[in-house]
PDB file of N, CA and C in Angstrom:
ATOM      1  N   MET A   1      76.584  81.442 110.032  1.00  0.00           N
ATOM      2  CA  MET A   1      76.325  80.346 109.115  1.00  0.00           C
ATOM      3  C   MET A   1      76.742  79.050 109.811  1.00  0.00           C
ATOM      4  N   PRO A   2      75.891  78.063 109.809  1.00  0.00           N
ATOM      5  CA  PRO A   2      76.240  76.782 110.431  1.00  0.00           C
ATOM      6  C   PRO A   2      77.393  76.091 109.691  1.00  0.00           C
ATOM      7  N   PHE A   3      78.106  75.279 110.440  1.00  0.00           N
ATOM      8  CA  PHE A   3      79.263  74.586 109.887  1.00  0.00           C
ATOM      9  C   PHE A   3      78.891  73.682 108.714  1.00  0.00           C
ATOM     10  N   SER A   4      77.783  72.985 108.802  1.00  0.00           N
ATOM     11  CA  SER A   4      77.401  72.043 107.738  1.00  0.00           C
ATOM     12  C   SER A   4      77.106  72.765 106.433  1.00  0.00           C
ATOM     13  N   ILE A   5      76.484  73.930 106.500  1.00  0.00           N
ATOM     14  CA  ILE A   5      76.205  74.688 105.283  1.00  0.00           C
ATOM     15  C   ILE A   5      77.499  75.233 104.692  1.00  0.00           C
ATOM     16  N   ALA A   6      78.385  75.743 105.546  1.00  0.00           N
ATOM     17  CA  ALA A   6      79.678  76.240 105.076  1.00  0.00           C
ATOM     18  C   ALA A   6      80.489  75.111 104.436  1.00  0.00           C
ATOM     19  N   LEU A   7      80.418  73.926 105.018  1.00  0.00           N
ATOM     20  CA  LEU A   7      81.128  72.776 104.465  1.00  0.00           C
ATOM     21  C   LEU A   7      80.583  72.401 103.094  1.00  0.00           C
ATOM     22  N   ILE A   8      79.272  72.372 102.946  1.00  0.00           N
ATOM     23  CA  ILE A   8      78.656  72.019 101.664  1.00  0.00           C
ATOM     24  C   ILE A   8      79.000  73.060 100.597  1.00  0.00           C
ATOM     25  N   ILE A   9      78.883  74.343 100.939  1.00  0.00           N
ATOM     26  CA  ILE A   9      79.213  75.399  99.976  1.00  0.00           C
ATOM     27  C   ILE A   9      80.688  75.340  99.600  1.00  0.00           C
ATOM     28  N   GLY A  10      81.552  75.122 100.575  1.00  0.00           N
ATOM     29  CA  GLY A  10      82.985  75.014 100.300  1.00  0.00           C
ATOM     30  C   GLY A  10      83.309  73.849  99.390  1.00  0.00           C
ATOM     31  N   LEU A  11      82.668  72.704  99.619  1.00  0.00           N
ATOM     32  CA  LEU A  11      82.913  71.538  98.772  1.00  0.00           C
ATOM     33  C   LEU A  11      82.400  71.743  97.354  1.00  0.00           C
ATOM     34  N   ILE A  12      81.250  72.410  97.207  1.00  0.00           N
ATOM     35  CA  ILE A  12      80.724  72.691  95.867  1.00  0.00           C
ATOM     36  C   ILE A  12      81.658  73.652  95.122  1.00  0.00           C
ATOM     37  N   LEU A  13      82.138  74.690  95.804  1.00  0.00           N
ATOM     38  CA  LEU A  13      83.078  75.618  95.173  1.00  0.00           C
ATOM     39  C   LEU A  13      84.395  74.928  94.819  1.00  0.00           C
ATOM     40  N   ALA A  14      84.857  74.036  95.674  1.00  0.00           N
ATOM     41  CA  ALA A  14      86.085  73.286  95.386  1.00  0.00           C
ATOM     42  C   ALA A  14      85.890  72.387  94.178  1.00  0.00           C
ATOM     43  N   LEU A  15      84.723  71.780  94.038  1.00  0.00           N
ATOM     44  CA  LEU A  15      84.432  70.932  92.887  1.00  0.00           C
ATOM     45  C   LEU A  15      84.418  71.756  91.601  1.00  0.00           C
ATOM     46  N   ILE A  16      83.800  72.923  91.644  1.00  0.00           N
ATOM     47  CA  ILE A  16      83.755  73.795  90.465  1.00  0.00           C
ATOM     48  C   ILE A  16      85.167  74.252  90.088  1.00  0.00           C
ATOM     49  N   ALA A  17      85.963  74.659  91.080  1.00  0.00           N
ATOM     50  CA  ALA A  17      87.330  75.101  90.823  1.00  0.00           C
ATOM     51  C   ALA A  17      88.181  73.963  90.266  1.00  0.00           C
ATOM     52  N   THR A  18      87.959  72.745  90.745  1.00  0.00           N
ATOM     53  CA  THR A  18      88.711  71.597  90.251  1.00  0.00           C
ATOM     54  C   THR A  18      88.381  71.315  88.795  1.00  0.00           C
ATOM     55  N   VAL A  19      87.108  71.368  88.439  1.00  0.00           N
ATOM     56  CA  VAL A  19      86.710  71.133  87.046  1.00  0.00           C
ATOM     57  C   VAL A  19      87.302  72.209  86.145  1.00  0.00           C
ATOM     58  N   LEU A  20      87.232  73.476  86.570  1.00  0.00           N
ATOM     59  CA  LEU A  20      87.798  74.556  85.764  1.00  0.00           C
ATOM     60  C   LEU A  20      89.311  74.407  85.601  1.00  0.00           C
ATOM     61  N   ALA A  21      90.000  74.055  86.687  1.00  0.00           N
ATOM     62  CA  ALA A  21      91.450  73.852  86.605  1.00  0.00           C
ATOM     63  C   ALA A  21      91.780  72.680  85.704  1.00  0.00           C
ATOM     64  N   TYR A  22      90.993  71.623  85.787  1.00  0.00           N
ATOM     65  CA  TYR A  22      91.250  70.442  84.958  1.00  0.00           C
ATOM     66  C   TYR A  22      91.050  70.757  83.476  1.00  0.00           C
ATOM     67  N   VAL A  23      90.095  71.605  83.169  1.00  0.00           N
ATOM     68  CA  VAL A  23      89.818  71.939  81.774  1.00  0.00           C
ATOM     69  C   VAL A  23      90.808  72.969  81.230  1.00  0.00           C
ATOM     70  N   PHE A  24      91.116  74.014  82.040  1.00  0.00           N
ATOM     71  CA  PHE A  24      91.893  75.122  81.513  1.00  0.00           C
ATOM     72  C   PHE A  24      93.370  75.118  81.896  1.00  0.00           C
ATOM     73  N   LEU A  25      93.750  74.532  83.017  1.00  0.00           N
ATOM     74  CA  LEU A  25      95.126  74.645  83.492  1.00  0.00           C
ATOM     75  C   LEU A  25      95.953  73.380  83.365  1.00  0.00           C
ATOM     76  N   ILE A  26      95.351  72.239  83.502  1.00  0.00           N
ATOM     77  CA  ILE A  26      96.130  71.005  83.586  1.00  0.00           C
ATOM     78  C   ILE A  26      96.652  70.512  82.236  1.00  0.00           C
ATOM     79  N   PRO A  27      95.917  70.612  81.130  1.00  0.00           N
ATOM     80  CA  PRO A  27      96.440  70.075  79.865  1.00  0.00           C
ATOM     81  C   PRO A  27      97.743  70.749  79.440  1.00  0.00           C
ATOM     82  N   ASP A  28      98.691  69.942  78.945  1.00  0.00           N
ATOM     83  CA  ASP A  28      99.981  70.474  78.521  1.00  0.00           C
ATOM     84  C   ASP A  28      99.859  71.410  77.328  1.00  0.00           C
ATOM     85  N   LYS A  29      98.902  71.162  76.455  1.00  0.00           N
ATOM     86  CA  LYS A  29      98.753  72.019  75.277  1.00  0.00           C
ATOM     87  C   LYS A  29      98.263  73.419  75.655  1.00  0.00           C
ATOM     88  N   ALA A  30      97.681  73.571  76.827  1.00  0.00           N
ATOM     89  CA  ALA A  30      97.179  74.871  77.258  1.00  0.00           C
ATOM     90  C   ALA A  30      98.277  75.765  77.822  1.00  0.00           C
ATOM     91  N   ARG A  31      99.434  75.203  78.165  1.00  0.00           N
ATOM     92  CA  ARG A  31     100.490  75.961  78.846  1.00  0.00           C
ATOM     93  C   ARG A  31     101.000  77.120  78.008  1.00  0.00           C
ATOM     94  N   ASP A  32     101.204  76.923  76.723  1.00  0.00           N
ATOM     95  CA  ASP A  32     101.786  77.965  75.884  1.00  0.00           C
ATOM     96  C   ASP A  32     100.872  79.176  75.715  1.00  0.00           C
ATOM     97  N   SER A  33      99.584  78.984  75.798  1.00  0.00           N
ATOM     98  CA  SER A  33      98.655  80.099  75.612  1.00  0.00           C
ATOM     99  C   SER A  33      98.311  80.823  76.910  1.00  0.00           C
ATOM    100  N   LEU A  34      98.837  80.369  78.033  1.00  0.00           N
ATOM    101  CA  LEU A  34      98.509  80.974  79.319  1.00  0.00           C
ATOM    102  C   LEU A  34      99.407  82.167  79.617  1.00  0.00           C
ATOM    103  N   PRO A  35      98.857  83.223  80.253  1.00  0.00           N
ATOM    104  CA  PRO A  35      99.713  84.331  80.711  1.00  0.00           C
ATOM    105  C   PRO A  35     100.585  83.901  81.891  1.00  0.00           C
ATOM    106  N   GLY A  36     101.472  84.769  82.328  1.00  0.00           N
ATOM    107  CA  GLY A  36     102.507  84.443  83.305  1.00  0.00           C
ATOM    108  C   GLY A  36     102.040  83.753  84.573  1.00  0.00           C
ATOM    109  N   PHE A  37     101.084  84.339  85.296  1.00  0.00           N
ATOM    110  CA  PHE A  37     100.655  83.756  86.565  1.00  0.00           C
ATOM    111  C   PHE A  37      99.982  82.404  86.346  1.00  0.00           C
ATOM    112  N   PHE A  38      99.168  82.293  85.305  1.00  0.00           N
ATOM    113  CA  PHE A  38      98.486  81.021  85.046  1.00  0.00           C
ATOM    114  C   PHE A  38      99.467  79.960  84.550  1.00  0.00           C
ATOM    115  N   ARG A  39     100.547  80.373  83.899  1.00  0.00           N
ATOM    116  CA  ARG A  39     101.604  79.421  83.521  1.00  0.00           C
ATOM    117  C   ARG A  39     102.285  78.882  84.786  1.00  0.00           C
ATOM    118  N   PHE A  40     102.489  79.772  85.763  1.00  0.00           N
ATOM    119  CA  PHE A  40     103.034  79.342  87.049  1.00  0.00           C
ATOM    120  C   PHE A  40     102.091  78.353  87.730  1.00  0.00           C
ATOM    121  N   LEU A  41     100.780  78.653  87.709  1.00  0.00           N
ATOM    122  CA  LEU A  41      99.800  77.731  88.285  1.00  0.00           C
ATOM    123  C   LEU A  41      99.808  76.389  87.558  1.00  0.00           C
ATOM    124  N   HIS A  42      99.946  76.424  86.242  1.00  0.00           N
ATOM    125  CA  HIS A  42     100.013  75.180  85.461  1.00  0.00           C
ATOM    126  C   HIS A  42     101.202  74.343  85.912  1.00  0.00           C
ATOM    127  N   ASP A  43     102.354  74.989  86.038  1.00  0.00           N
ATOM    128  CA  ASP A  43     103.550  74.263  86.473  1.00  0.00           C
ATOM    129  C   ASP A  43     103.396  73.749  87.900  1.00  0.00           C
ATOM    130  N   LEU A  44     102.723  74.511  88.746  1.00  0.00           N
ATOM    131  CA  LEU A  44     102.520  74.105  90.133  1.00  0.00           C
ATOM    132  C   LEU A  44     101.564  72.917  90.222  1.00  0.00           C
ATOM    133  N   ILE A  45     100.490  72.958  89.470  1.00  0.00           N
ATOM    134  CA  ILE A  45      99.509  71.871  89.495  1.00  0.00           C
ATOM    135  C   ILE A  45     100.082  70.592  88.907  1.00  0.00           C
ATOM    136  N   ASN A  46     100.908  70.712  87.872  1.00  0.00           N
ATOM    137  CA  ASN A  46     101.497  69.545  87.226  1.00  0.00           C
ATOM    138  C   ASN A  46     102.822  69.123  87.863  1.00  0.00           C
ATOM    139  N   PHE A  47     103.163  69.709  88.998  1.00  0.00           N
ATOM    140  CA  PHE A  47     104.364  69.367  89.778  1.00  0.00           C
ATOM    141  C   PHE A  47     105.649  69.570  88.981  1.00  0.00           C
ATOM    142  N   ARG A  48     105.667  70.570  88.106  1.00  0.00           N
ATOM    143  CA  ARG A  48     106.916  70.939  87.441  1.00  0.00           C
ATOM    144  C   ARG A  48     107.707  71.885  88.329  1.00  0.00           C
ATOM    145  N   THR A  49     107.012  72.626  89.160  1.00  0.00           N
ATOM    146  CA  THR A  49     107.641  73.523  90.120  1.00  0.00           C
ATOM    147  C   THR A  49     107.476  72.913  91.507  1.00  0.00           C
ATOM    148  N   MET A  50     108.587  72.684  92.166  1.00  0.00           N
ATOM    149  CA  MET A  50     108.550  72.107  93.504  1.00  0.00           C
ATOM    150  C   MET A  50     108.693  73.238  94.525  1.00  0.00           C
ATOM    151  N   ILE A  51     107.758  73.332  95.448  1.00  0.00           N
ATOM    152  CA  ILE A  51     107.816  74.379  96.462  1.00  0.00           C
ATOM    153  C   ILE A  51     108.405  73.870  97.771  1.00  0.00           C
ATOM    154  N   ILE A  52     108.645  72.578  97.863  1.00  0.00           N
ATOM    155  CA  ILE A  52     109.110  72.019  99.131  1.00  0.00           C
ATOM    156  C   ILE A  52     110.504  72.525  99.494  1.00  0.00           C
ATOM    157  N   GLU A  53     111.316  72.831  98.479  1.00  0.00           N
ATOM    158  CA  GLU A  53     112.659  73.333  98.766  1.00  0.00           C
ATOM    159  C   GLU A  53     112.586  74.683  99.488  1.00  0.00           C
ATOM    160  N   SER A  54     111.705  75.552  99.043  1.00  0.00           N
ATOM    161  CA  SER A  54     111.535  76.851  99.697  1.00  0.00           C
ATOM    162  C   SER A  54     110.957  76.684 101.104  1.00  0.00           C
ATOM    163  N   VAL A  55     110.028  75.760 101.268  1.00  0.00           N
ATOM    164  CA  VAL A  55     109.432  75.514 102.587  1.00  0.00           C
ATOM    165  C   VAL A  55     110.490  74.977 103.548  1.00  0.00           C
ATOM    166  N   ILE A  56     111.330  74.074 103.072  1.00  0.00           N
ATOM    167  CA  ILE A  56     112.384  73.512 103.925  1.00  0.00           C
ATOM    168  C   ILE A  56     113.371  74.594 104.339  1.00  0.00           C
ATOM    169  N   LYS A  57     113.746  75.474 103.403  1.00  0.00           N
ATOM    170  CA  LYS A  57     114.664  76.563 103.748  1.00  0.00           C
ATOM    171  C   LYS A  57     114.047  77.490 104.789  1.00  0.00           C
ATOM    172  N   LEU A  58     112.779  77.809 104.621  1.00  0.00           N
ATOM    173  CA  LEU A  58     112.079  78.667 105.577  1.00  0.00           C
ATOM    174  C   LEU A  58     112.038  78.024 106.956  1.00  0.00           C
ATOM    175  N   LEU A  59     111.726  76.730 107.006  1.00  0.00           N
ATOM    176  CA  LEU A  59     111.692  76.029 108.286  1.00  0.00           C
ATOM    177  C   LEU A  59     113.072  75.951 108.927  1.00  0.00           C
ATOM    178  N   TYR A  60     114.121  75.813 108.117  1.00  0.00           N
ATOM    179  CA  TYR A  60     115.484  75.776 108.654  1.00  0.00           C
ATOM    180  C   TYR A  60     115.840  77.105 109.324  1.00  0.00           C
ATOM    181  N   VAL A  61     115.526  78.215 108.648  1.00  0.00           N
ATOM    182  CA  VAL A  61     115.826  79.528 109.215  1.00  0.00           C
ATOM    183  C   VAL A  61     115.025  79.734 110.501  1.00  0.00           C
ATOM    184  N   PHE A  62     113.749  79.357 110.495  1.00  0.00           N
ATOM    185  CA  PHE A  62     112.911  79.475 111.690  1.00  0.00           C
ATOM    186  C   PHE A  62     113.475  78.646 112.836  1.00  0.00           C
ATOM    187  N   CYS A  63     113.873  77.411 112.541  1.00  0.00           N
ATOM    188  CA  CYS A  63     114.414  76.522 113.574  1.00  0.00           C
ATOM    189  C   CYS A  63     115.723  77.078 114.147  1.00  0.00           C
ATOM    190  N   SER A  64     116.577  77.590 113.276  1.00  0.00           N
ATOM    191  CA  SER A  64     117.851  78.140 113.741  1.00  0.00           C
ATOM    192  C   SER A  64     117.646  79.356 114.628  1.00  0.00           C
ATOM    193  N   PHE A  65     116.795  80.291 114.177  1.00  0.00           N
ATOM    194  CA  PHE A  65     116.528  81.469 114.997  1.00  0.00           C
ATOM    195  C   PHE A  65     115.822  81.099 116.294  1.00  0.00           C
ATOM    196  N   GLY A  66     114.974  80.085 116.231  1.00  0.00           N
ATOM    197  CA  GLY A  66     114.316  79.609 117.450  1.00  0.00           C
ATOM    198  C   GLY A  66     115.321  79.066 118.444  1.00  0.00           C
ATOM    199  N   CYS A  67     116.277  78.288 117.974  1.00  0.00           N
ATOM    200  CA  CYS A  67     117.317  77.760 118.863  1.00  0.00           C
ATOM    201  C   CYS A  67     118.169  78.882 119.443  1.00  0.00           C
ATOM    202  N   ILE A  68     118.488  79.870 118.636  1.00  0.00           N
ATOM    203  CA  ILE A  68     119.291  80.995 119.119  1.00  0.00           C
ATOM    204  C   ILE A  68     118.513  81.786 120.175  1.00  0.00           C
ATOM    205  N   GLY A  69     117.239  82.033 119.909  1.00  0.00           N
ATOM    206  CA  GLY A  69     116.427  82.777 120.875  1.00  0.00           C
ATOM    207  C   GLY A  69     116.267  82.045 122.185  1.00  0.00           C
ATOM    208  N   VAL A  70     115.943  80.767 122.116  1.00  0.00           N
ATOM    209  CA  VAL A  70     115.786  79.970 123.333  1.00  0.00           C
ATOM    210  C   VAL A  70     117.125  79.864 124.058  1.00  0.00           C
ATOM    211  N   GLY A  71     118.201  79.694 123.304  1.00  0.00           N
ATOM    212  CA  GLY A  71     119.523  79.617 123.916  1.00  0.00           C
ATOM    213  C   GLY A  71     119.898  80.895 124.645  1.00  0.00           C
ATOM    214  N   LEU A  72     119.567  82.053 124.050  1.00  0.00           N
ATOM    215  CA  LEU A  72     119.868  83.319 124.720  1.00  0.00           C
ATOM    216  C   LEU A  72     119.057  83.494 126.000  1.00  0.00           C
ATOM    217  N   PHE A  73     117.774  83.120 125.950  1.00  0.00           N
ATOM    218  CA  PHE A  73     116.966  83.225 127.159  1.00  0.00           C
ATOM    219  C   PHE A  73     117.476  82.294 128.253  1.00  0.00           C
ATOM    220  N   LEU A  74     117.877  81.084 127.865  1.00  0.00           N
ATOM    221  CA  LEU A  74     118.426  80.166 128.864  1.00  0.00           C
ATOM    222  C   LEU A  74     119.796  80.613 129.340  1.00  0.00           C
ATOM    223  N   LEU A  75     120.571  81.198 128.455  1.00  0.00           N
ATOM    224  CA  LEU A  75     121.926  81.639 128.785  1.00  0.00           C
ATOM    225  C   LEU A  75     121.903  82.709 129.879  1.00  0.00           C
ATOM    226  N   PHE A  76     121.002  83.676 129.720  1.00  0.00           N
ATOM    227  CA  PHE A  76     120.919  84.742 130.704  1.00  0.00           C
ATOM    228  C   PHE A  76     119.861  84.480 131.760  1.00  0.00           C
ATOM    229  N   GLY A  77     119.241  83.321 131.686  1.00  0.00           N
ATOM    230  CA  GLY A  77     118.246  82.942 132.679  1.00  0.00           C
ATOM    231  C   GLY A  77     118.884  82.113 133.775  1.00  0.00           C
ATOM    232  N   LYS A  78     118.242  81.011 134.089  1.00  0.00           N
ATOM    233  CA  LYS A  78     118.678  80.197 135.216  1.00  0.00           C
ATOM    234  C   LYS A  78     119.787  79.211 134.868  1.00  0.00           C
ATOM    235  N   ASN A  79     119.823  78.708 133.631  1.00  0.00           N
ATOM    236  CA  ASN A  79     120.744  77.627 133.325  1.00  0.00           C
ATOM    237  C   ASN A  79     121.706  78.043 132.219  1.00  0.00           C
ATOM    238  N   PHE A  80     122.894  78.478 132.616  1.00  0.00           N
ATOM    239  CA  PHE A  80     123.890  78.993 131.680  1.00  0.00           C
ATOM    240  C   PHE A  80     124.399  77.918 130.726  1.00  0.00           C
ATOM    241  N   LEU A  81     124.732  76.726 131.252  1.00  0.00           N
ATOM    242  CA  LEU A  81     125.337  75.680 130.412  1.00  0.00           C
ATOM    243  C   LEU A  81     124.351  75.126 129.379  1.00  0.00           C
ATOM    244  N   ILE A  82     123.122  74.906 129.775  1.00  0.00           N
ATOM    245  CA  ILE A  82     122.128  74.417 128.815  1.00  0.00           C
ATOM    246  C   ILE A  82     121.847  75.498 127.776  1.00  0.00           C
ATOM    247  N   GLY A  83     121.804  76.754 128.189  1.00  0.00           N
ATOM    248  CA  GLY A  83     121.627  77.862 127.249  1.00  0.00           C
ATOM    249  C   GLY A  83     122.750  77.923 126.234  1.00  0.00           C
ATOM    250  N   LEU A  84     123.976  77.741 126.688  1.00  0.00           N
ATOM    251  CA  LEU A  84     125.126  77.741 125.791  1.00  0.00           C
ATOM    252  C   LEU A  84     125.072  76.558 124.832  1.00  0.00           C
ATOM    253  N   LEU A  85     124.666  75.411 125.337  1.00  0.00           N
ATOM    254  CA  LEU A  85     124.544  74.218 124.496  1.00  0.00           C
ATOM    255  C   LEU A  85     123.473  74.400 123.417  1.00  0.00           C
ATOM    256  N   VAL A  86     122.331  74.949 123.803  1.00  0.00           N
ATOM    257  CA  VAL A  86     121.251  75.179 122.833  1.00  0.00           C
ATOM    258  C   VAL A  86     121.657  76.269 121.844  1.00  0.00           C
ATOM    259  N   LEU A  87     122.334  77.297 122.329  1.00  0.00           N
ATOM    260  CA  LEU A  87     122.754  78.408 121.477  1.00  0.00           C
ATOM    261  C   LEU A  87     123.742  77.961 120.402  1.00  0.00           C
ATOM    262  N   ILE A  88     124.660  77.082 120.766  1.00  0.00           N
ATOM    263  CA  ILE A  88     125.677  76.630 119.804  1.00  0.00           C
ATOM    264  C   ILE A  88     125.248  75.343 119.097  1.00  0.00           C
ATOM    265  N   GLY A  89     124.765  74.385 119.863  1.00  0.00           N
ATOM    266  CA  GLY A  89     124.451  73.076 119.281  1.00  0.00           C
ATOM    267  C   GLY A  89     123.136  73.013 118.537  1.00  0.00           C
ATOM    268  N   GLY A  90     122.169  73.826 118.936  1.00  0.00           N
ATOM    269  CA  GLY A  90     120.854  73.797 118.293  1.00  0.00           C
ATOM    270  C   GLY A  90     120.902  74.082 116.801  1.00  0.00           C
ATOM    271  N   PRO A  91     121.508  75.200 116.385  1.00  0.00           N
ATOM    272  CA  PRO A  91     121.594  75.465 114.950  1.00  0.00           C
ATOM    273  C   PRO A  91     122.407  74.417 114.183  1.00  0.00           C
ATOM    274  N   LEU A  92     123.411  73.837 114.834  1.00  0.00           N
ATOM    275  CA  LEU A  92     124.190  72.793 114.161  1.00  0.00           C
ATOM    276  C   LEU A  92     123.351  71.538 113.931  1.00  0.00           C
ATOM    277  N   VAL A  93     122.595  71.144 114.938  1.00  0.00           N
ATOM    278  CA  VAL A  93     121.720  69.974 114.793  1.00  0.00           C
ATOM    279  C   VAL A  93     120.647  70.250 113.740  1.00  0.00           C
ATOM    280  N   CYS A  94     120.081  71.458 113.768  1.00  0.00           N
ATOM    281  CA  CYS A  94     119.091  71.834 112.748  1.00  0.00           C
ATOM    282  C   CYS A  94     119.699  71.744 111.355  1.00  0.00           C
ATOM    283  N   ARG A  95     120.924  72.242 111.207  1.00  0.00           N
ATOM    284  CA  ARG A  95     121.582  72.225 109.894  1.00  0.00           C
ATOM    285  C   ARG A  95     121.756  70.804 109.398  1.00  0.00           C
ATOM    286  N   VAL A  96     122.208  69.905 110.236  1.00  0.00           N
ATOM    287  CA  VAL A  96     122.418  68.513 109.826  1.00  0.00           C
ATOM    288  C   VAL A  96     121.095  67.861 109.434  1.00  0.00           C
ATOM    289  N   ILE A  97     120.071  68.065 110.227  1.00  0.00           N
ATOM    290  CA  ILE A  97     118.763  67.461 109.925  1.00  0.00           C
ATOM    291  C   ILE A  97     118.215  67.994 108.618  1.00  0.00           C
ATOM    292  N   PHE A  98     118.267  69.313 108.426  1.00  0.00           N
ATOM    293  CA  PHE A  98     117.712  69.888 107.209  1.00  0.00           C
ATOM    294  C   PHE A  98     118.568  69.573 105.983  1.00  0.00           C
ATOM    295  N   GLU A  99     119.874  69.397 106.155  1.00  0.00           N
ATOM    296  CA  GLU A  99     120.700  68.955 105.024  1.00  0.00           C
ATOM    297  C   GLU A  99     120.324  67.544 104.598  1.00  0.00           C
ATOM    298  N   LEU A 100     120.031  66.674 105.550  1.00  0.00           N
ATOM    299  CA  LEU A 100     119.604  65.320 105.194  1.00  0.00           C
ATOM    300  C   LEU A 100     118.281  65.338 104.438  1.00  0.00           C
ATOM    301  N   VAL A 101     117.375  66.201 104.850  1.00  0.00           N
ATOM    302  CA  VAL A 101     116.094  66.324 104.134  1.00  0.00           C
ATOM    303  C   VAL A 101     116.334  66.899 102.741  1.00  0.00           C
ATOM    304  N   MET A 102     117.208  67.897 102.641  1.00  0.00           N
ATOM    305  CA  MET A 102     117.491  68.506 101.341  1.00  0.00           C
ATOM    306  C   MET A 102     118.191  67.528 100.394  1.00  0.00           C
ATOM    307  N   LEU A 103     118.971  66.601 100.939  1.00  0.00           N
ATOM    308  CA  LEU A 103     119.589  65.587 100.078  1.00  0.00           C
ATOM    309  C   LEU A 103     118.526  64.778  99.349  1.00  0.00           C
ATOM    310  N   PHE A 104     117.468  64.435 100.054  1.00  0.00           N
ATOM    311  CA  PHE A 104     116.375  63.696  99.426  1.00  0.00           C
ATOM    312  C   PHE A 104     115.693  64.540  98.362  1.00  0.00           C
ATOM    313  N   VAL A 105     115.439  65.818  98.663  1.00  0.00           N
ATOM    314  CA  VAL A 105     114.775  66.699  97.699  1.00  0.00           C
ATOM    315  C   VAL A 105     115.645  66.881  96.456  1.00  0.00           C
ATOM    316  N   ILE A 106     116.936  67.085  96.647  1.00  0.00           N
ATOM    317  CA  ILE A 106     117.843  67.256  95.506  1.00  0.00           C
ATOM    318  C   ILE A 106     117.911  65.975  94.685  1.00  0.00           C
ATOM    319  N   GLN A 107     117.883  64.829  95.338  1.00  0.00           N
ATOM    320  CA  GLN A 107     117.884  63.559  94.615  1.00  0.00           C
ATOM    321  C   GLN A 107     116.635  63.436  93.748  1.00  0.00           C
ATOM    322  N   VAL A 108     115.502  63.814  94.274  1.00  0.00           N
ATOM    323  CA  VAL A 108     114.261  63.770  93.498  1.00  0.00           C
ATOM    324  C   VAL A 108     114.336  64.742  92.323  1.00  0.00           C
ATOM    325  N   GLN A 109     114.843  65.950  92.548  1.00  0.00           N
ATOM    326  CA  GLN A 109     114.965  66.930  91.460  1.00  0.00           C
ATOM    327  C   GLN A 109     115.898  66.435  90.375  1.00  0.00           C
ATOM    328  N   ASN A 110     117.003  65.823  90.755  1.00  0.00           N
ATOM    329  CA  ASN A 110     117.930  65.292  89.753  1.00  0.00           C
ATOM    330  C   ASN A 110     117.309  64.135  88.977  1.00  0.00           C
ATOM    331  N   THR A 111     116.540  63.292  89.650  1.00  0.00           N
ATOM    332  CA  THR A 111     115.872  62.199  88.966  1.00  0.00           C
ATOM    333  C   THR A 111     114.845  62.720  87.966  1.00  0.00           C
ATOM    334  N   ILE A 112     114.109  63.759  88.359  1.00  0.00           N
ATOM    335  CA  ILE A 112     113.144  64.368  87.439  1.00  0.00           C
ATOM    336  C   ILE A 112     113.867  64.982  86.244  1.00  0.00           C
ATOM    337  N   SER A 113     115.003  65.642  86.483  1.00  0.00           N
ATOM    338  CA  SER A 113     115.766  66.241  85.398  1.00  0.00           C
ATOM    339  C   SER A 113     116.292  65.193  84.438  1.00  0.00           C
ATOM    340  N   ILE A 114     116.791  64.094  84.948  1.00  0.00           N
ATOM    341  CA  ILE A 114     117.284  63.007  84.093  1.00  0.00           C
ATOM    342  C   ILE A 114     116.134  62.416  83.296  1.00  0.00           C
ATOM    343  N   ASN A 115     114.990  62.262  83.933  1.00  0.00           N
ATOM    344  CA  ASN A 115     113.813  61.702  83.266  1.00  0.00           C
ATOM    345  C   ASN A 115     113.365  62.607  82.109  1.00  0.00           C
ATOM    346  N   ARG A 116     113.404  63.923  82.309  1.00  0.00           N
ATOM    347  CA  ARG A 116     113.014  64.870  81.244  1.00  0.00           C
ATOM    348  C   ARG A 116     113.978  64.819  80.079  1.00  0.00           C
ATOM    349  N   LYS A 117     115.279  64.643  80.371  1.00  0.00           N
ATOM    350  CA  LYS A 117     116.271  64.589  79.305  1.00  0.00           C
ATOM    351  C   LYS A 117     116.145  63.305  78.482  1.00  0.00           C
ATOM    352  N   LEU A 118     115.661  62.242  79.103  1.00  0.00           N
ATOM    353  CA  LEU A 118     115.517  60.972  78.376  1.00  0.00           C
ATOM    354  C   LEU A 118     114.301  60.955  77.487  1.00  0.00           C
ATOM    355  N   LYS A 119     113.350  61.841  77.715  1.00  0.00           N
ATOM    356  CA  LYS A 119     112.124  61.850  76.908  1.00  0.00           C
ATOM    357  C   LYS A 119     112.329  62.512  75.577  1.00  0.00           C
TER     358      LYS A 119
END
């Protein structure tokens, strides 16, 4: 199938899915009548459920294990001192960076929580 035809079909299907989601999932009055998975989709579409916290945690674990793996290869490879530095310092630097990102996410979550309580 040529790329242009696949693109057109994909865009038409995306338009149909968007209209259906807008009619059945997005309205707040529809949330109570939805079954479990569709209630989750409703919360996800309306940004009541934030997935960025889980993504950040996953990336932190990946980054830490990546630093440990690279550090071990360097440690037993040609450069012992750089391997030791990456092995010990890499996960620490990752932790500090990801904690700073998580501070922003937690601040946003707390602001949303305060906003909900004021309504």
